[in-house]
Amino acid sequence: MDLPELGFYGLAGHSGTPRDLLDQVRAGERTGLGAVFLSERFTTKEAATLSGAAGAVSERIGIATAATNHNTRHPLLTATFATTMHRLTGGRFALGLGRGFDMLFDVMGVPRVTSAQLADFIGIMRRLWHGEPVVDHHGPAGDFPYLSQDAAFDEDIPIMLTAMGERTLEFAGSIADGVVLHTFFTDETLARSVAAVRRGAEKAGRDPAGVRVWSVLATVGDHLDEEARLRKLVGRLATYLQGYGDLMIRVNGWDPAVLAAFRADDLVAGFPGAFDAIATPDQLEHVAGLLPDEWLAAAATGSPEKCARTVLRQFDGGADGVILHGVTPAEVAPVVAAYREVRPARLAKEPASLNPGRF
């Protein structure tokens, strides 16, 4: 039985072997997971290639980029990528977009991403997918004399946005079909985030319940070995704090003094890369001592049964779907089995679409 309300990230974290995605997607489909989400890194995780691979080896599972950036491809190329995936998968694909990182875009020499650009870009996509040409366009997303795909097109392709801050969440609710939140959200932050998405939809005159919201839950059960648990829990949170700790602290209402002490630690201050990628077990143990239990508790840990109960709390907080993060389908299989035993009857009675961007 498929579980359209559960998803996973393909090639979670850092991977130099993109071919692993093929077996992960096959295993995810066998396990009954409803969707695979594909993040993008400018090494060996290019979103269009991974999406095509996932579509080629699957029959039922939903596929979404979560996320790619609109500013790294020409709009006509992105529109073509999405249309190709939509038809390749029989309607299982959703185009997920995100803001990305300003510092990275600065060194790449591409414009930083703004909400105005995203709104303009999304409008262009939807016009192209419905057979409408874009003529003499001058807007935040750029200047385009003429864009067109096919006048016969009438494609219903959902667009998703990744979001963390309240304003971005409201914006996402106002324009997107689906929203992907962030890992290590407390229960309170999850509820506030879902409310912000619904509020944004309502302000825009949209049905607040029509926007599908996915929480992202680090799922690090006791059935994993100790080093894997350290890397997937402590290493992952530490890596986020390295990259955009101030935002995570602000969103969760955590103590900024703890973040300052984390950053001032000799190991952290001089660390040459991402903790979840290159830290040794001893280094991860050291970092664990810098992070409050409260912060690490914003994840599914313990027995598979306890992890399954944590998944259920995500629905109590208003999420429509839960991405089991940081684990492969094989690694999370015991949690999925435990979840089946406690799955809410309403989800079995009224299953969502397998397209992660659509109900």
Protein backbone atom coordinates (compact mmCIF):
# COMPACT_ATOMS: atom_id res chain seq x y z
CA MET A 1 0.00 0.00 0.00
CA ASP A 2 1.36 3.41 -0.99
CA LEU A 3 1.82 6.08 1.67
CA PRO A 4 1.46 9.32 -0.31
CA GLU A 5 1.90 11.39 2.85
CA LEU A 6 5.48 10.15 3.38
CA GLY A 7 8.54 11.05 1.34
CA PHE A 8 12.32 10.90 1.47
CA TYR A 9 15.27 12.79 0.06
CA GLY A 10 17.20 11.02 -2.66
CA LEU A 11 20.97 11.06 -2.12
CA ALA A 12 20.43 12.76 1.23
CA GLY A 13 23.33 14.96 2.25
CA HIS A 14 26.60 14.69 0.34
CA SER A 15 27.00 12.06 -2.36
CA GLY A 16 29.59 11.44 -4.99
CA THR A 17 27.76 8.44 -6.42
CA PRO A 18 24.56 9.67 -8.06
CA ARG A 19 23.84 6.20 -9.42
CA ASP A 20 22.82 5.26 -5.86
CA LEU A 21 19.61 7.18 -6.53
CA LEU A 22 18.35 4.44 -8.85
CA ASP A 23 18.27 1.80 -6.14
CA GLN A 24 16.93 4.30 -3.61
CA VAL A 25 13.96 5.19 -5.80
CA ARG A 26 13.22 1.53 -6.50
CA ALA A 27 13.45 0.76 -2.77
CA GLY A 28 11.30 3.76 -1.90
CA GLU A 29 8.60 2.56 -4.24
CA ARG A 30 8.77 -0.99 -2.84
CA THR A 31 8.55 0.36 0.70
CA GLY A 32 5.47 2.37 -0.24
CA LEU A 33 6.92 5.83 0.24
CA GLY A 34 4.91 8.34 -1.72
CA ALA A 35 7.53 10.78 -2.98
CA VAL A 36 11.23 11.32 -3.55
CA PHE A 37 12.59 14.85 -3.16
CA LEU A 38 15.77 15.86 -4.97
CA SER A 39 18.01 18.62 -3.70
CA GLU A 40 20.68 20.16 -5.90
CA ARG A 41 24.39 20.63 -5.27
CA PHE A 42 26.85 21.93 -7.82
CA THR A 43 28.98 18.79 -7.74
CA THR A 44 27.27 15.53 -8.72
CA LYS A 45 23.64 16.35 -7.85
CA GLU A 46 22.21 18.23 -10.84
CA ALA A 47 18.44 18.33 -10.45
CA ALA A 48 17.28 17.70 -14.02
CA THR A 49 19.53 14.67 -14.46
CA LEU A 50 18.46 13.16 -11.14
CA SER A 51 14.79 13.82 -11.87
CA GLY A 52 14.98 12.04 -15.19
CA ALA A 53 16.75 9.09 -13.59
CA ALA A 54 14.11 8.85 -10.85
CA GLY A 55 11.34 8.98 -13.43
CA ALA A 56 12.94 6.31 -15.58
CA VAL A 57 13.17 3.69 -12.82
CA SER A 58 9.79 4.28 -11.16
CA GLU A 59 6.11 3.76 -11.91
CA ARG A 60 4.20 5.26 -8.97
CA ILE A 61 6.37 7.41 -6.74
CA GLY A 62 6.03 11.20 -6.88
CA ILE A 63 9.13 13.21 -7.79
CA ALA A 64 9.97 16.80 -6.85
CA THR A 65 12.96 19.07 -6.93
CA ALA A 66 13.36 20.49 -3.44
CA ALA A 67 14.90 22.53 -4.48
CA THR A 68 16.49 23.97 -7.56
CA ASN A 69 16.96 27.68 -8.28
CA HIS A 70 15.24 29.61 -11.02
CA ASN A 71 18.26 31.88 -11.62
CA THR A 72 20.69 29.14 -12.69
CA ARG A 73 18.83 28.14 -15.86
CA HIS A 74 17.09 30.05 -18.60
CA PRO A 75 13.31 30.08 -18.03
CA LEU A 76 12.63 28.26 -21.30
CA LEU A 77 15.04 25.51 -20.29
CA THR A 78 13.38 25.11 -16.89
CA ALA A 79 9.93 25.08 -18.48
CA THR A 80 11.09 22.38 -20.89
CA PHE A 81 12.67 20.36 -18.07
CA ALA A 82 9.39 20.42 -16.12
CA THR A 83 7.20 19.60 -19.12
CA THR A 84 9.48 16.73 -20.10
CA MET A 85 9.37 15.33 -16.55
CA HIS A 86 5.59 15.82 -16.36
CA ARG A 87 5.03 13.73 -19.49
CA LEU A 88 7.80 11.25 -18.74
CA THR A 89 6.21 10.40 -15.38
CA GLY A 90 2.56 10.63 -16.32
CA GLY A 91 1.99 13.65 -14.09
CA ARG A 92 4.04 12.62 -11.04
CA PHE A 93 6.47 15.56 -11.13
CA ALA A 94 6.45 18.85 -9.23
CA LEU A 95 8.92 21.67 -9.83
CA GLY A 96 10.26 22.79 -6.46
CA LEU A 97 12.10 26.11 -6.25
CA GLY A 98 14.07 27.80 -3.48
CA ARG A 99 15.93 30.99 -2.69
CA GLY A 100 19.35 29.39 -2.40
CA PHE A 101 22.34 31.16 -0.86
CA ASP A 102 23.26 34.77 -1.59
CA MET A 103 27.00 34.27 -1.07
CA LEU A 104 27.07 31.38 -3.53
CA PHE A 105 25.20 33.38 -6.15
CA ASP A 106 27.56 36.31 -5.63
CA VAL A 107 30.62 34.21 -6.44
CA MET A 108 28.79 32.52 -9.35
CA GLY A 109 27.96 35.91 -10.80
CA VAL A 110 24.19 35.35 -10.97
CA PRO A 111 21.52 37.56 -9.39
CA ARG A 112 20.38 36.92 -5.85
CA VAL A 113 16.85 35.50 -5.60
CA THR A 114 13.96 37.69 -4.46
CA SER A 115 10.27 37.01 -3.92
CA ALA A 116 9.46 39.35 -6.80
CA GLN A 117 11.66 37.30 -9.11
CA LEU A 118 10.05 34.06 -7.98
CA ALA A 119 6.54 35.41 -8.49
CA ASP A 120 7.44 36.68 -11.96
CA PHE A 121 9.19 33.44 -12.88
CA ILE A 122 6.30 31.27 -11.67
CA GLY A 123 3.92 33.34 -13.77
CA ILE A 124 6.11 32.75 -16.82
CA MET A 125 6.19 29.01 -16.19
CA ARG A 126 2.44 28.72 -15.86
CA ARG A 127 1.83 30.71 -19.03
CA LEU A 128 4.25 28.57 -21.04
CA TRP A 129 2.79 25.32 -19.71
CA HIS A 130 -0.65 26.40 -20.85
CA GLY A 131 0.41 27.19 -24.40
CA GLU A 132 0.68 30.94 -23.99
CA PRO A 133 3.66 32.80 -25.46
CA VAL A 134 5.52 35.34 -23.34
CA VAL A 135 6.16 38.38 -25.50
CA ASP A 136 8.29 41.46 -24.75
CA HIS A 137 8.50 40.61 -21.08
CA HIS A 138 10.27 43.00 -18.74
CA GLY A 139 10.04 41.96 -15.11
CA PRO A 140 11.98 41.02 -11.99
CA ALA A 141 12.86 37.61 -13.47
CA GLY A 142 14.47 39.24 -16.52
CA ASP A 143 13.87 40.65 -19.98
CA PHE A 144 12.65 38.16 -22.57
CA PRO A 145 11.70 39.24 -26.09
CA TYR A 146 9.84 36.02 -26.89
CA LEU A 147 9.35 32.74 -25.04
CA SER A 148 7.15 29.92 -26.28
CA GLN A 149 6.86 26.16 -25.98
CA ASP A 150 3.82 24.82 -27.81
CA ALA A 151 0.46 26.50 -28.37
CA ALA A 152 -1.22 23.12 -27.83
CA PHE A 153 0.20 22.72 -24.32
CA ASP A 154 -2.21 22.60 -21.39
CA GLU A 155 0.00 21.08 -18.70
CA ASP A 156 -0.97 20.99 -15.02
CA ILE A 157 2.44 21.01 -13.33
CA PRO A 158 2.54 21.92 -9.62
CA ILE A 159 5.11 24.38 -8.35
CA MET A 160 6.51 24.04 -4.85
CA LEU A 161 8.62 26.42 -2.79
CA THR A 162 11.01 25.70 0.06
CA ALA A 163 10.67 28.21 2.88
CA MET A 164 11.79 28.95 6.45
CA GLY A 165 11.07 32.53 7.49
CA GLU A 166 7.55 33.80 8.15
CA ARG A 167 7.45 36.25 5.24
CA THR A 168 8.69 33.63 2.79
CA LEU A 169 6.18 31.13 4.15
CA GLU A 170 3.32 33.58 3.65
CA PHE A 171 4.59 34.32 0.16
CA ALA A 172 4.76 30.62 -0.61
CA GLY A 173 1.18 30.18 0.55
CA SER A 174 0.07 32.99 -1.72
CA ILE A 175 1.48 31.52 -4.92
CA ALA A 176 2.69 27.91 -4.67
CA ASP A 177 0.87 24.60 -4.92
CA GLY A 178 3.05 23.03 -2.25
CA VAL A 179 5.55 24.12 0.39
CA VAL A 180 8.54 22.25 1.81
CA LEU A 181 9.65 23.36 5.28
CA HIS A 182 13.03 22.73 6.90
CA THR A 183 14.64 20.12 9.08
CA PHE A 184 14.93 20.61 12.86
CA PHE A 185 11.75 22.60 13.33
CA THR A 186 10.30 22.31 16.82
CA ASP A 187 6.64 21.32 17.14
CA GLU A 188 5.78 24.96 17.88
CA THR A 189 7.76 26.20 14.87
CA LEU A 190 6.04 23.67 12.64
CA ALA A 191 2.59 24.85 13.74
CA ARG A 192 3.54 28.51 13.24
CA SER A 193 5.00 27.75 9.83
CA VAL A 194 1.91 25.92 8.62
CA ALA A 195 -0.25 28.78 9.92
CA ALA A 196 1.89 31.27 7.98
CA VAL A 197 1.43 29.30 4.75
CA ARG A 198 -2.34 29.10 5.27
CA ARG A 199 -2.47 32.80 6.15
CA GLY A 200 -0.61 33.72 2.98
CA ALA A 201 -3.02 31.67 0.89
CA GLU A 202 -6.04 33.24 2.53
CA LYS A 203 -4.72 36.78 2.02
CA ALA A 204 -4.25 35.96 -1.67
CA GLY A 205 -7.83 34.74 -1.98
CA ARG A 206 -6.79 31.10 -2.33
CA ASP A 207 -8.07 28.05 -0.50
CA PRO A 208 -5.72 27.74 2.51
CA ALA A 209 -6.27 23.99 2.62
CA GLY A 210 -5.31 23.69 -1.04
CA VAL A 211 -1.60 24.24 -0.46
CA ARG A 212 0.17 21.00 0.43
CA VAL A 213 2.68 21.54 3.24
CA TRP A 214 5.52 19.07 3.81
CA SER A 215 7.47 19.01 7.05
CA VAL A 216 11.04 17.71 6.94
CA LEU A 217 11.82 15.42 9.85
CA ALA A 218 15.32 14.12 10.55
CA THR A 219 14.62 10.44 11.20
CA VAL A 220 17.49 8.85 13.09
CA GLY A 221 16.26 5.70 14.82
CA ASP A 222 18.12 3.46 17.22
CA HIS A 223 18.21 0.72 14.60
CA LEU A 224 21.01 2.69 12.89
CA ASP A 225 24.56 2.25 14.15
CA GLU A 226 26.01 4.85 16.50
CA GLU A 227 28.27 6.56 13.96
CA ALA A 228 25.41 6.88 11.47
CA ARG A 229 23.20 8.37 14.17
CA LEU A 230 25.87 10.89 15.11
CA ARG A 231 26.44 11.91 11.51
CA LYS A 232 22.76 12.14 10.57
CA LEU A 233 21.68 13.96 13.72
CA VAL A 234 24.54 15.92 15.28
CA GLY A 235 26.50 16.31 12.05
CA ARG A 236 23.49 17.43 10.07
CA LEU A 237 22.31 20.01 12.60
CA ALA A 238 25.86 21.32 13.03
CA THR A 239 26.17 21.70 9.27
CA TYR A 240 22.99 23.78 9.13
CA LEU A 241 24.27 25.93 11.98
CA GLN A 242 27.50 26.46 10.04
CA GLY A 243 25.59 27.65 6.99
CA TYR A 244 22.66 29.67 8.30
CA GLY A 245 22.57 29.29 12.04
CA ASP A 246 21.15 32.75 12.73
CA LEU A 247 18.04 31.99 10.70
CA MET A 248 17.51 28.62 12.39
CA ILE A 249 17.89 30.20 15.82
CA ARG A 250 15.45 32.97 14.99
CA VAL A 251 12.85 30.65 13.45
CA ASN A 252 12.92 28.23 16.39
CA GLY A 253 13.27 30.83 19.13
CA TRP A 254 16.47 29.20 20.38
CA ASP A 255 19.10 30.95 22.50
CA PRO A 256 21.53 32.90 20.27
CA ALA A 257 24.17 32.74 23.01
CA VAL A 258 24.39 28.97 22.48
CA LEU A 259 24.98 29.53 18.77
CA ALA A 260 27.70 32.08 19.57
CA ALA A 261 29.42 29.57 21.86
CA PHE A 262 29.13 26.90 19.16
CA ARG A 263 30.77 29.17 16.61
CA ALA A 264 33.52 30.21 19.03
CA ASP A 265 34.54 26.63 19.76
CA ASP A 266 38.04 25.93 18.44
CA LEU A 267 36.99 22.87 16.42
CA VAL A 268 33.96 24.58 14.90
CA ALA A 269 35.71 27.85 14.12
CA GLY A 270 38.50 26.15 12.22
CA PHE A 271 36.59 23.28 10.67
CA PRO A 272 37.39 22.97 6.94
CA GLY A 273 34.04 21.67 5.65
CA ALA A 274 30.59 20.33 6.47
CA PHE A 275 30.40 18.30 9.68
CA ASP A 276 28.01 15.73 8.25
CA ALA A 277 30.40 15.07 5.37
CA ILE A 278 33.92 14.93 6.80
CA ALA A 279 33.85 14.97 10.61
CA THR A 280 35.27 11.96 12.45
CA PRO A 281 33.22 10.19 15.14
CA ASP A 282 35.35 11.84 17.83
CA GLN A 283 34.74 15.27 16.32
CA LEU A 284 31.02 14.60 16.14
CA GLU A 285 31.02 13.53 19.79
CA HIS A 286 32.70 16.83 20.65
CA VAL A 287 30.11 18.81 18.68
CA ALA A 288 27.30 16.88 20.37
CA GLY A 289 28.48 18.37 23.66
CA LEU A 290 27.96 21.87 22.24
CA LEU A 291 24.34 21.34 21.19
CA PRO A 292 21.47 21.42 23.70
CA ASP A 293 19.28 18.34 23.98
CA GLU A 294 16.33 20.60 23.13
CA TRP A 295 17.79 21.33 19.71
CA LEU A 296 18.53 17.69 18.93
CA ALA A 297 15.03 16.73 20.09
CA ALA A 298 13.54 18.39 17.00
CA ALA A 299 13.93 15.07 15.20
CA ALA A 300 12.58 11.51 15.24
CA THR A 301 14.85 9.40 17.43
CA GLY A 302 14.63 6.22 19.49
CA SER A 303 12.91 3.00 18.54
CA PRO A 304 11.08 2.70 15.21
CA GLU A 305 7.82 2.86 17.16
CA LYS A 306 8.87 6.09 18.88
CA CYS A 307 9.97 7.55 15.54
CA ALA A 308 6.56 6.67 14.09
CA ARG A 309 4.83 8.53 16.92
CA THR A 310 7.01 11.57 16.19
CA VAL A 311 5.90 11.38 12.56
CA LEU A 312 2.28 11.48 13.75
CA ARG A 313 3.01 14.70 15.69
CA GLN A 314 3.92 16.37 12.42
CA PHE A 315 0.34 15.85 11.24
CA ASP A 316 -0.92 17.17 14.58
CA GLY A 317 1.10 20.31 13.85
CA GLY A 318 -0.72 20.79 10.56
CA ALA A 319 1.63 19.19 8.04
CA ASP A 320 0.03 17.40 5.09
CA GLY A 321 3.10 15.27 4.40
CA VAL A 322 6.32 14.32 6.15
CA ILE A 323 9.70 13.94 4.46
CA LEU A 324 11.75 11.40 6.43
CA HIS A 325 15.07 13.14 6.12
CA GLY A 326 18.65 11.99 6.14
CA VAL A 327 17.96 8.31 5.54
CA THR A 328 17.61 6.01 2.57
CA PRO A 329 14.41 3.96 2.12
CA ALA A 330 16.30 0.89 3.35
CA GLU A 331 17.47 2.72 6.47
CA VAL A 332 14.00 4.04 7.26
CA ALA A 333 12.09 0.83 6.48
CA PRO A 334 11.61 -0.16 10.17
CA VAL A 335 10.09 3.27 10.89
CA VAL A 336 7.77 2.99 7.89
CA ALA A 337 6.64 -0.43 9.08
CA ALA A 338 5.92 0.94 12.55
CA TYR A 339 4.11 3.92 11.04
CA ARG A 340 1.77 1.64 9.11
CA GLU A 341 0.57 0.25 12.44
CA VAL A 342 -0.45 3.69 13.74
CA ARG A 343 -1.34 5.45 10.49
CA PRO A 344 -4.40 7.70 10.96
CA ALA A 345 -7.54 6.26 9.39
CA ARG A 346 -8.32 9.55 7.67
CA LEU A 347 -5.15 9.28 5.61
CA ALA A 348 -6.07 5.81 4.46
CA LYS A 349 -9.62 6.90 3.65
CA GLU A 350 -8.70 10.07 1.74
CA PRO A 351 -5.23 9.54 0.27
CA ALA A 352 -3.41 12.47 -1.24
CA SER A 353 -2.10 12.54 -4.78
CA LEU A 354 1.22 10.84 -5.36
CA ASN A 355 2.35 14.06 -7.02
CA PRO A 356 3.97 15.78 -4.02
CA GLY A 357 2.79 19.21 -5.16
CA ARG A 358 -0.87 18.30 -5.46
CA PHE A 359 -3.65 16.95 -3.25
